[in-house]
Amino acid sequence: MPERLSGFRASDFEFRARFWIIGGAYWIGFAFYAAGDVNVSFFVARWLAGAGSPHIGAYTRAILVFGTALAVAAALLRSWAAAYLRSAVVHDAKMHVNQLTADGPYRYVRNPLYLGTILLAVGVGTMAGRFGFAVIAVGNAVIACRLILREEAELLASQGESYREYFSAVPRLIPALHARVPSGKARPDWLDGFAGETFIWGLALGMAAFTVTLRLAYWYAIMGAGFTVYAFQAFSRRARRRRSGLD
């Protein structure tokens, strides 16, 4: 890994608090509405259709549908990755570098979870304002890249040549069209994968409900339910780790 990028790696604090930092980017992004920011979907639709066009509403809905598709794709990708990596590892505040996962989506891209994070930000960001979209999409991309560089450096140091070979064969964020490494025959836990990404599904399904109805109440209700489930899962995981003496 180029040393010139070493200064861009996330710190220990950033890794431990990654959920809240990523969530903070969403909060700041949507807060721009309070300053009178214009919805980015409407802004782009007006630019595409022309000011005063009767089709601006249809263009706006089409952009929201595209954003919803990205959000759902992100949730599917993250669930697929978590099914192989396990949700307890995905959401742990500690970094796990004692083993290498190279099955499922990891055969096509090294960081499917962070790719999902970026896709989700772009998709959900279409609900935000112009400046809010920039904060959410660009902010999450920067955060994800910093976390990737930190994790990859730790894996290179821990796994040595085995990870170096994987590193050279599989692209970092742009998926290959064909698997770059052979299957290790790992068995995915689909229930754990999808359950562990409940909050992400709450964002994706909440956006889908808003896109169909244009009612923010559905967005808040579904997203809030997803966050509630995530908070309960986080509490349960931490309690189990404490009982196991891992914390």
C-alpha atoms as a PDB file:
ATOM      1  CA  MET A   1       0.000   0.000   0.000  1.00  0.00           C
ATOM      2  CA  PRO A   2       1.517   3.373  -0.991  1.00  0.00           C
ATOM      3  CA  GLU A   3       3.028   5.135   2.000  1.00  0.00           C
ATOM      4  CA  ARG A   4       1.807   8.476   0.686  1.00  0.00           C
ATOM      5  CA  LEU A   5      -1.711   7.376   1.690  1.00  0.00           C
ATOM      6  CA  SER A   6      -0.743   6.392   5.225  1.00  0.00           C
ATOM      7  CA  GLY A   7      -1.700   9.811   6.567  1.00  0.00           C
ATOM      8  CA  PHE A   8      -5.195   9.399   5.167  1.00  0.00           C
ATOM      9  CA  ARG A   9      -5.957   6.290   7.209  1.00  0.00           C
ATOM     10  CA  ALA A  10      -8.672   6.431   9.836  1.00  0.00           C
ATOM     11  CA  SER A  11      -7.646   6.648  13.466  1.00  0.00           C
ATOM     12  CA  ASP A  12      -8.586   4.129  16.158  1.00  0.00           C
ATOM     13  CA  PHE A  13     -11.299   6.500  17.356  1.00  0.00           C
ATOM     14  CA  GLU A  14     -12.766   6.825  13.847  1.00  0.00           C
ATOM     15  CA  PHE A  15     -12.946   3.072  13.472  1.00  0.00           C
ATOM     16  CA  ARG A  16     -14.599   2.551  16.865  1.00  0.00           C
ATOM     17  CA  ALA A  17     -17.095   5.387  16.264  1.00  0.00           C
ATOM     18  CA  ARG A  18     -17.646   4.730  12.534  1.00  0.00           C
ATOM     19  CA  PHE A  19     -21.399   4.180  12.880  1.00  0.00           C
ATOM     20  CA  TRP A  20     -21.902   7.522  14.615  1.00  0.00           C
ATOM     21  CA  ILE A  21     -19.553   9.395  12.271  1.00  0.00           C
ATOM     22  CA  ILE A  22     -21.369   8.049   9.220  1.00  0.00           C
ATOM     23  CA  GLY A  23     -24.715   8.831  10.878  1.00  0.00           C
ATOM     24  CA  GLY A  24     -23.433  12.331  11.635  1.00  0.00           C
ATOM     25  CA  ALA A  25     -22.831  12.954   7.930  1.00  0.00           C
ATOM     26  CA  TYR A  26     -26.491  12.137   7.263  1.00  0.00           C
ATOM     27  CA  TRP A  27     -27.660  14.369  10.108  1.00  0.00           C
ATOM     28  CA  ILE A  28     -25.568  17.324   8.917  1.00  0.00           C
ATOM     29  CA  GLY A  29     -26.600  16.743   5.322  1.00  0.00           C
ATOM     30  CA  PHE A  30     -30.323  16.799   6.035  1.00  0.00           C
ATOM     31  CA  ALA A  31     -29.886  19.726   8.442  1.00  0.00           C
ATOM     32  CA  PHE A  32     -29.125  21.963   5.454  1.00  0.00           C
ATOM     33  CA  TYR A  33     -32.867  22.065   4.822  1.00  0.00           C
ATOM     34  CA  ALA A  34     -33.125  24.345   7.848  1.00  0.00           C
ATOM     35  CA  ALA A  35     -31.001  26.858   5.955  1.00  0.00           C
ATOM     36  CA  GLY A  36     -33.354  26.814   2.978  1.00  0.00           C
ATOM     37  CA  ASP A  37     -31.505  24.311   0.816  1.00  0.00           C
ATOM     38  CA  VAL A  38     -33.351  23.092  -2.312  1.00  0.00           C
ATOM     39  CA  ASN A  39     -34.028  19.355  -2.734  1.00  0.00           C
ATOM     40  CA  VAL A  40     -31.357  17.947  -5.050  1.00  0.00           C
ATOM     41  CA  SER A  41     -33.823  15.695  -6.902  1.00  0.00           C
ATOM     42  CA  PHE A  42     -36.074  18.663  -7.681  1.00  0.00           C
ATOM     43  CA  PHE A  43     -33.068  20.818  -8.575  1.00  0.00           C
ATOM     44  CA  VAL A  44     -31.707  18.237 -11.045  1.00  0.00           C
ATOM     45  CA  ALA A  45     -35.199  17.538 -12.426  1.00  0.00           C
ATOM     46  CA  ARG A  46     -35.766  21.242 -13.090  1.00  0.00           C
ATOM     47  CA  TRP A  47     -32.388  21.435 -14.833  1.00  0.00           C
ATOM     48  CA  LEU A  48     -33.166  18.385 -17.006  1.00  0.00           C
ATOM     49  CA  ALA A  49     -36.766  19.252 -17.857  1.00  0.00           C
ATOM     50  CA  GLY A  50     -36.366  23.016 -17.964  1.00  0.00           C
ATOM     51  CA  ALA A  51     -37.812  25.624 -15.633  1.00  0.00           C
ATOM     52  CA  GLY A  52     -41.591  25.721 -15.843  1.00  0.00           C
ATOM     53  CA  SER A  53     -41.854  22.316 -17.508  1.00  0.00           C
ATOM     54  CA  PRO A  54     -44.922  20.263 -16.516  1.00  0.00           C
ATOM     55  CA  HIS A  55     -42.679  17.191 -16.369  1.00  0.00           C
ATOM     56  CA  ILE A  56     -40.533  18.348 -13.440  1.00  0.00           C
ATOM     57  CA  GLY A  57     -42.572  16.208 -11.025  1.00  0.00           C
ATOM     58  CA  ALA A  58     -42.092  13.092 -13.141  1.00  0.00           C
ATOM     59  CA  TYR A  59     -38.359  13.741 -13.428  1.00  0.00           C
ATOM     60  CA  THR A  60     -38.125  14.251  -9.668  1.00  0.00           C
ATOM     61  CA  ARG A  61     -39.902  10.957  -9.011  1.00  0.00           C
ATOM     62  CA  ALA A  62     -37.611   9.179 -11.503  1.00  0.00           C
ATOM     63  CA  ILE A  63     -34.533  10.461  -9.668  1.00  0.00           C
ATOM     64  CA  LEU A  64     -35.978   9.280  -6.355  1.00  0.00           C
ATOM     65  CA  VAL A  65     -36.690   5.854  -7.894  1.00  0.00           C
ATOM     66  CA  PHE A  66     -33.054   5.700  -9.016  1.00  0.00           C
ATOM     67  CA  GLY A  67     -31.927   6.670  -5.524  1.00  0.00           C
ATOM     68  CA  THR A  68     -34.184   4.015  -4.006  1.00  0.00           C
ATOM     69  CA  ALA A  69     -32.743   1.388  -6.356  1.00  0.00           C
ATOM     70  CA  LEU A  70     -29.234   2.332  -5.226  1.00  0.00           C
ATOM     71  CA  ALA A  71     -30.264   2.150  -1.564  1.00  0.00           C
ATOM     72  CA  VAL A  72     -31.848  -1.292  -1.979  1.00  0.00           C
ATOM     73  CA  ALA A  73     -28.813  -2.519  -3.946  1.00  0.00           C
ATOM     74  CA  ALA A  74     -26.592  -1.240  -1.125  1.00  0.00           C
ATOM     75  CA  ALA A  75     -28.658  -3.085   1.494  1.00  0.00           C
ATOM     76  CA  LEU A  76     -28.507  -6.304  -0.553  1.00  0.00           C
ATOM     77  CA  LEU A  77     -24.750  -5.998  -1.045  1.00  0.00           C
ATOM     78  CA  ARG A  78     -24.090  -5.313   2.629  1.00  0.00           C
ATOM     79  CA  SER A  79     -26.354  -8.193   3.682  1.00  0.00           C
ATOM     80  CA  TRP A  80     -24.545 -10.527   1.270  1.00  0.00           C
ATOM     81  CA  ALA A  81     -21.175  -9.470   2.666  1.00  0.00           C
ATOM     82  CA  ALA A  82     -22.333  -9.679   6.295  1.00  0.00           C
ATOM     83  CA  ALA A  83     -23.658 -13.204   5.685  1.00  0.00           C
ATOM     84  CA  TYR A  84     -20.063 -14.293   5.037  1.00  0.00           C
ATOM     85  CA  LEU A  85     -18.231 -12.016   7.477  1.00  0.00           C
ATOM     86  CA  ARG A  86     -20.887 -12.310  10.269  1.00  0.00           C
ATOM     87  CA  SER A  87     -22.710  -9.337  11.759  1.00  0.00           C
ATOM     88  CA  ALA A  88     -20.860  -9.600  15.080  1.00  0.00           C
ATOM     89  CA  VAL A  89     -17.644  -8.786  13.202  1.00  0.00           C
ATOM     90  CA  VAL A  90     -19.215  -6.176  10.910  1.00  0.00           C
ATOM     91  CA  HIS A  91     -20.577  -4.114  13.797  1.00  0.00           C
ATOM     92  CA  ASP A  92     -17.861  -4.715  16.376  1.00  0.00           C
ATOM     93  CA  ALA A  93     -16.007  -1.642  17.602  1.00  0.00           C
ATOM     94  CA  LYS A  94     -12.797  -3.678  17.517  1.00  0.00           C
ATOM     95  CA  MET A  95     -10.984  -4.484  14.306  1.00  0.00           C
ATOM     96  CA  HIS A  96     -10.756  -8.172  13.371  1.00  0.00           C
ATOM     97  CA  VAL A  97      -7.640  -9.020  11.346  1.00  0.00           C
ATOM     98  CA  ASN A  98      -6.992 -12.575  12.506  1.00  0.00           C
ATOM     99  CA  GLN A  99      -8.625 -14.146   9.453  1.00  0.00           C
ATOM    100  CA  LEU A 100      -9.277 -13.311   5.812  1.00  0.00           C
ATOM    101  CA  THR A 101     -12.751 -13.593   4.264  1.00  0.00           C
ATOM    102  CA  ALA A 102     -12.510 -14.207   0.497  1.00  0.00           C
ATOM    103  CA  ASP A 103     -15.876 -15.735  -0.353  1.00  0.00           C
ATOM    104  CA  GLY A 104     -19.198 -14.380  -1.606  1.00  0.00           C
ATOM    105  CA  PRO A 105     -18.876 -10.733  -2.703  1.00  0.00           C
ATOM    106  CA  TYR A 106     -15.292 -10.673  -1.416  1.00  0.00           C
ATOM    107  CA  ARG A 107     -14.312 -12.665  -4.514  1.00  0.00           C
ATOM    108  CA  TYR A 108     -15.273  -9.658  -6.664  1.00  0.00           C
ATOM    109  CA  VAL A 109     -14.411  -6.632  -4.527  1.00  0.00           C
ATOM    110  CA  ARG A 110     -12.263  -6.283  -1.403  1.00  0.00           C
ATOM    111  CA  ASN A 111     -14.587  -3.931   0.454  1.00  0.00           C
ATOM    112  CA  PRO A 112     -18.229  -4.756  -0.361  1.00  0.00           C
ATOM    113  CA  LEU A 113     -19.479  -3.355   2.944  1.00  0.00           C
ATOM    114  CA  TYR A 114     -17.927   0.051   2.321  1.00  0.00           C
ATOM    115  CA  LEU A 115     -19.043  -0.010  -1.307  1.00  0.00           C
ATOM    116  CA  GLY A 116     -22.555  -0.558   0.043  1.00  0.00           C
ATOM    117  CA  THR A 117     -22.077   2.365   2.426  1.00  0.00           C
ATOM    118  CA  ILE A 118     -21.166   4.662  -0.460  1.00  0.00           C
ATOM    119  CA  LEU A 119     -24.027   3.468  -2.685  1.00  0.00           C
ATOM    120  CA  LEU A 120     -26.469   3.947   0.191  1.00  0.00           C
ATOM    121  CA  ALA A 121     -25.240   7.504   0.747  1.00  0.00           C
ATOM    122  CA  VAL A 122     -25.693   8.424  -2.905  1.00  0.00           C
ATOM    123  CA  GLY A 123     -29.143   6.821  -3.001  1.00  0.00           C
ATOM    124  CA  VAL A 124     -30.528   8.273   0.227  1.00  0.00           C
ATOM    125  CA  GLY A 125     -28.768  11.548  -0.551  1.00  0.00           C
ATOM    126  CA  THR A 126     -31.235  12.168  -3.380  1.00  0.00           C
ATOM    127  CA  MET A 127     -33.785  12.962  -0.668  1.00  0.00           C
ATOM    128  CA  ALA A 128     -31.565  15.734   0.720  1.00  0.00           C
ATOM    129  CA  GLY A 129     -30.826  19.250  -0.491  1.00  0.00           C
ATOM    130  CA  ARG A 130     -28.088  20.218  -2.932  1.00  0.00           C
ATOM    131  CA  PHE A 131     -25.465  20.910  -0.273  1.00  0.00           C
ATOM    132  CA  GLY A 132     -26.813  18.132   1.907  1.00  0.00           C
ATOM    133  CA  PHE A 133     -26.338  15.619  -0.899  1.00  0.00           C
ATOM    134  CA  ALA A 134     -22.702  16.700  -1.218  1.00  0.00           C
ATOM    135  CA  VAL A 135     -22.143  16.296   2.516  1.00  0.00           C
ATOM    136  CA  ILE A 136     -23.807  12.871   2.640  1.00  0.00           C
ATOM    137  CA  ALA A 137     -22.360  11.389  -0.565  1.00  0.00           C
ATOM    138  CA  VAL A 138     -18.873  12.895  -0.486  1.00  0.00           C
ATOM    139  CA  GLY A 139     -18.634  12.690   3.288  1.00  0.00           C
ATOM    140  CA  ASN A 140     -19.448   8.984   3.344  1.00  0.00           C
ATOM    141  CA  ALA A 141     -17.055   8.290   0.473  1.00  0.00           C
ATOM    142  CA  VAL A 142     -14.210  10.021   2.341  1.00  0.00           C
ATOM    143  CA  ILE A 143     -15.048   8.253   5.610  1.00  0.00           C
ATOM    144  CA  ALA A 144     -15.244   4.873   3.836  1.00  0.00           C
ATOM    145  CA  CYS A 145     -11.908   5.396   2.078  1.00  0.00           C
ATOM    146  CA  ARG A 146     -10.188   6.328   5.347  1.00  0.00           C
ATOM    147  CA  LEU A 147     -11.586   3.222   7.038  1.00  0.00           C
ATOM    148  CA  ILE A 148     -10.590   1.034   4.076  1.00  0.00           C
ATOM    149  CA  LEU A 149      -6.997   2.240   4.162  1.00  0.00           C
ATOM    150  CA  ARG A 150      -6.813   1.581   7.896  1.00  0.00           C
ATOM    151  CA  GLU A 151      -8.261  -1.933   7.651  1.00  0.00           C
ATOM    152  CA  GLU A 152      -6.159  -2.904   4.650  1.00  0.00           C
ATOM    153  CA  ALA A 153      -2.967  -1.731   6.354  1.00  0.00           C
ATOM    154  CA  GLU A 154      -3.824  -3.824   9.419  1.00  0.00           C
ATOM    155  CA  LEU A 155      -4.626  -6.871   7.277  1.00  0.00           C
ATOM    156  CA  LEU A 156      -1.394  -6.540   5.322  1.00  0.00           C
ATOM    157  CA  ALA A 157       0.533  -6.374   8.586  1.00  0.00           C
ATOM    158  CA  SER A 158      -1.357  -9.304  10.112  1.00  0.00           C
ATOM    159  CA  GLN A 159      -1.924 -11.663   7.177  1.00  0.00           C
ATOM    160  CA  GLY A 160       1.236 -10.956   5.225  1.00  0.00           C
ATOM    161  CA  GLU A 161       1.646 -12.675   1.864  1.00  0.00           C
ATOM    162  CA  SER A 162      -1.801 -14.316   1.840  1.00  0.00           C
ATOM    163  CA  TYR A 163      -3.522 -10.941   2.005  1.00  0.00           C
ATOM    164  CA  ARG A 164      -0.977  -9.382  -0.364  1.00  0.00           C
ATOM    165  CA  GLU A 165      -1.959 -11.940  -3.015  1.00  0.00           C
ATOM    166  CA  TYR A 166      -5.645 -11.256  -2.390  1.00  0.00           C
ATOM    167  CA  PHE A 167      -4.937  -7.502  -2.407  1.00  0.00           C
ATOM    168  CA  SER A 168      -3.299  -7.790  -5.837  1.00  0.00           C
ATOM    169  CA  ALA A 169      -6.038  -9.969  -7.343  1.00  0.00           C
ATOM    170  CA  VAL A 170      -9.278  -8.313  -6.146  1.00  0.00           C
ATOM    171  CA  PRO A 171     -10.164  -4.638  -6.796  1.00  0.00           C
ATOM    172  CA  ARG A 172     -10.715  -2.318  -3.850  1.00  0.00           C
ATOM    173  CA  LEU A 173     -14.089  -0.688  -4.631  1.00  0.00           C
ATOM    174  CA  ILE A 174     -15.055  -1.236  -8.282  1.00  0.00           C
ATOM    175  CA  PRO A 175     -16.275  -4.848  -8.513  1.00  0.00           C
ATOM    176  CA  ALA A 176     -14.770  -7.186 -11.069  1.00  0.00           C
ATOM    177  CA  LEU A 177     -17.142  -8.779 -13.563  1.00  0.00           C
ATOM    178  CA  HIS A 178     -15.817 -12.232 -12.722  1.00  0.00           C
ATOM    179  CA  ALA A 179     -14.590 -13.738  -9.460  1.00  0.00           C
ATOM    180  CA  ARG A 180     -10.890 -13.003  -9.010  1.00  0.00           C
ATOM    181  CA  VAL A 181     -10.186 -15.696  -6.420  1.00  0.00           C
ATOM    182  CA  PRO A 182     -11.508 -19.261  -6.058  1.00  0.00           C
ATOM    183  CA  SER A 183     -14.265 -20.017  -3.590  1.00  0.00           C
ATOM    184  CA  GLY A 184     -13.141 -21.138  -0.166  1.00  0.00           C
ATOM    185  CA  LYS A 185     -16.424 -23.023   0.287  1.00  0.00           C
ATOM    186  CA  ALA A 186     -17.466 -20.839   3.232  1.00  0.00           C
ATOM    187  CA  ARG A 187     -21.130 -21.202   4.212  1.00  0.00           C
ATOM    188  CA  PRO A 188     -23.057 -17.919   4.481  1.00  0.00           C
ATOM    189  CA  ASP A 189     -25.448 -17.279   7.348  1.00  0.00           C
ATOM    190  CA  TRP A 190     -28.188 -15.442   5.464  1.00  0.00           C
ATOM    191  CA  LEU A 191     -30.395 -14.840   8.502  1.00  0.00           C
ATOM    192  CA  ASP A 192     -27.506 -13.240  10.369  1.00  0.00           C
ATOM    193  CA  GLY A 193     -26.498 -11.231   7.303  1.00  0.00           C
ATOM    194  CA  PHE A 194     -29.913  -9.700   6.717  1.00  0.00           C
ATOM    195  CA  ALA A 195     -30.759  -9.288  10.398  1.00  0.00           C
ATOM    196  CA  GLY A 196     -27.448  -7.557  11.064  1.00  0.00           C
ATOM    197  CA  GLU A 197     -28.225  -4.962   8.375  1.00  0.00           C
ATOM    198  CA  THR A 198     -31.667  -4.083   9.741  1.00  0.00           C
ATOM    199  CA  PHE A 199     -30.824  -0.403  10.062  1.00  0.00           C
ATOM    200  CA  ILE A 200     -29.598  -0.235   6.456  1.00  0.00           C
ATOM    201  CA  TRP A 201     -32.792  -1.945   5.323  1.00  0.00           C
ATOM    202  CA  GLY A 202     -34.749   0.591   7.368  1.00  0.00           C
ATOM    203  CA  LEU A 203     -33.128   3.412   5.383  1.00  0.00           C
ATOM    204  CA  ALA A 204     -33.677   1.674   2.041  1.00  0.00           C
ATOM    205  CA  LEU A 205     -37.288   0.622   2.680  1.00  0.00           C
ATOM    206  CA  GLY A 206     -38.107   3.944   4.297  1.00  0.00           C
ATOM    207  CA  MET A 207     -36.888   5.718   1.189  1.00  0.00           C
ATOM    208  CA  ALA A 208     -38.899   3.341  -0.995  1.00  0.00           C
ATOM    209  CA  ALA A 209     -42.033   4.194   0.998  1.00  0.00           C
ATOM    210  CA  PHE A 210     -41.334   7.916   0.617  1.00  0.00           C
ATOM    211  CA  THR A 211     -40.691   7.559  -3.125  1.00  0.00           C
ATOM    212  CA  VAL A 212     -44.037   5.838  -3.618  1.00  0.00           C
ATOM    213  CA  THR A 213     -46.129   8.036  -1.302  1.00  0.00           C
ATOM    214  CA  LEU A 214     -44.082  11.268  -0.992  1.00  0.00           C
ATOM    215  CA  ARG A 215     -45.031  11.230   2.694  1.00  0.00           C
ATOM    216  CA  LEU A 216     -42.158  11.798   5.105  1.00  0.00           C
ATOM    217  CA  ALA A 217     -44.085  10.104   7.918  1.00  0.00           C
ATOM    218  CA  TYR A 218     -43.419   6.705   6.346  1.00  0.00           C
ATOM    219  CA  TRP A 219     -39.714   7.486   5.972  1.00  0.00           C
ATOM    220  CA  TYR A 220     -39.364   8.473   9.605  1.00  0.00           C
ATOM    221  CA  ALA A 221     -41.435   5.541  10.874  1.00  0.00           C
ATOM    222  CA  ILE A 222     -39.563   2.838   8.964  1.00  0.00           C
ATOM    223  CA  MET A 223     -36.141   4.390   9.503  1.00  0.00           C
ATOM    224  CA  GLY A 224     -36.907   4.812  13.203  1.00  0.00           C
ATOM    225  CA  ALA A 225     -37.986   1.192  13.505  1.00  0.00           C
ATOM    226  CA  GLY A 226     -34.759   0.088  11.839  1.00  0.00           C
ATOM    227  CA  PHE A 227     -32.692   2.206  14.217  1.00  0.00           C
ATOM    228  CA  THR A 228     -34.575   0.825  17.229  1.00  0.00           C
ATOM    229  CA  VAL A 229     -33.841  -2.736  16.134  1.00  0.00           C
ATOM    230  CA  TYR A 230     -30.192  -1.841  15.483  1.00  0.00           C
ATOM    231  CA  ALA A 231     -29.851  -0.298  18.965  1.00  0.00           C
ATOM    232  CA  PHE A 232     -31.309  -3.450  20.535  1.00  0.00           C
ATOM    233  CA  GLN A 233     -28.953  -5.633  18.476  1.00  0.00           C
ATOM    234  CA  ALA A 234     -25.953  -3.513  19.494  1.00  0.00           C
ATOM    235  CA  PHE A 235     -26.919  -3.796  23.166  1.00  0.00           C
ATOM    236  CA  SER A 236     -27.358  -7.564  22.839  1.00  0.00           C
ATOM    237  CA  ARG A 237     -24.013  -8.025  21.073  1.00  0.00           C
ATOM    238  CA  ARG A 238     -22.216  -6.015  23.726  1.00  0.00           C
ATOM    239  CA  ALA A 239     -23.914  -7.953  26.532  1.00  0.00           C
ATOM    240  CA  ARG A 240     -22.844 -11.253  24.952  1.00  0.00           C
ATOM    241  CA  ARG A 241     -19.269 -10.050  24.619  1.00  0.00           C
ATOM    242  CA  ARG A 242     -19.207  -8.991  28.254  1.00  0.00           C
ATOM    243  CA  ARG A 243     -20.508 -12.377  29.364  1.00  0.00           C
ATOM    244  CA  SER A 244     -17.818 -14.008  27.217  1.00  0.00           C
ATOM    245  CA  GLY A 245     -15.133 -11.799  28.760  1.00  0.00           C
ATOM    246  CA  LEU A 246     -14.237 -10.244  25.388  1.00  0.00           C
ATOM    247  CA  ASP A 247     -14.855  -6.636  26.514  1.00  0.00           C
END
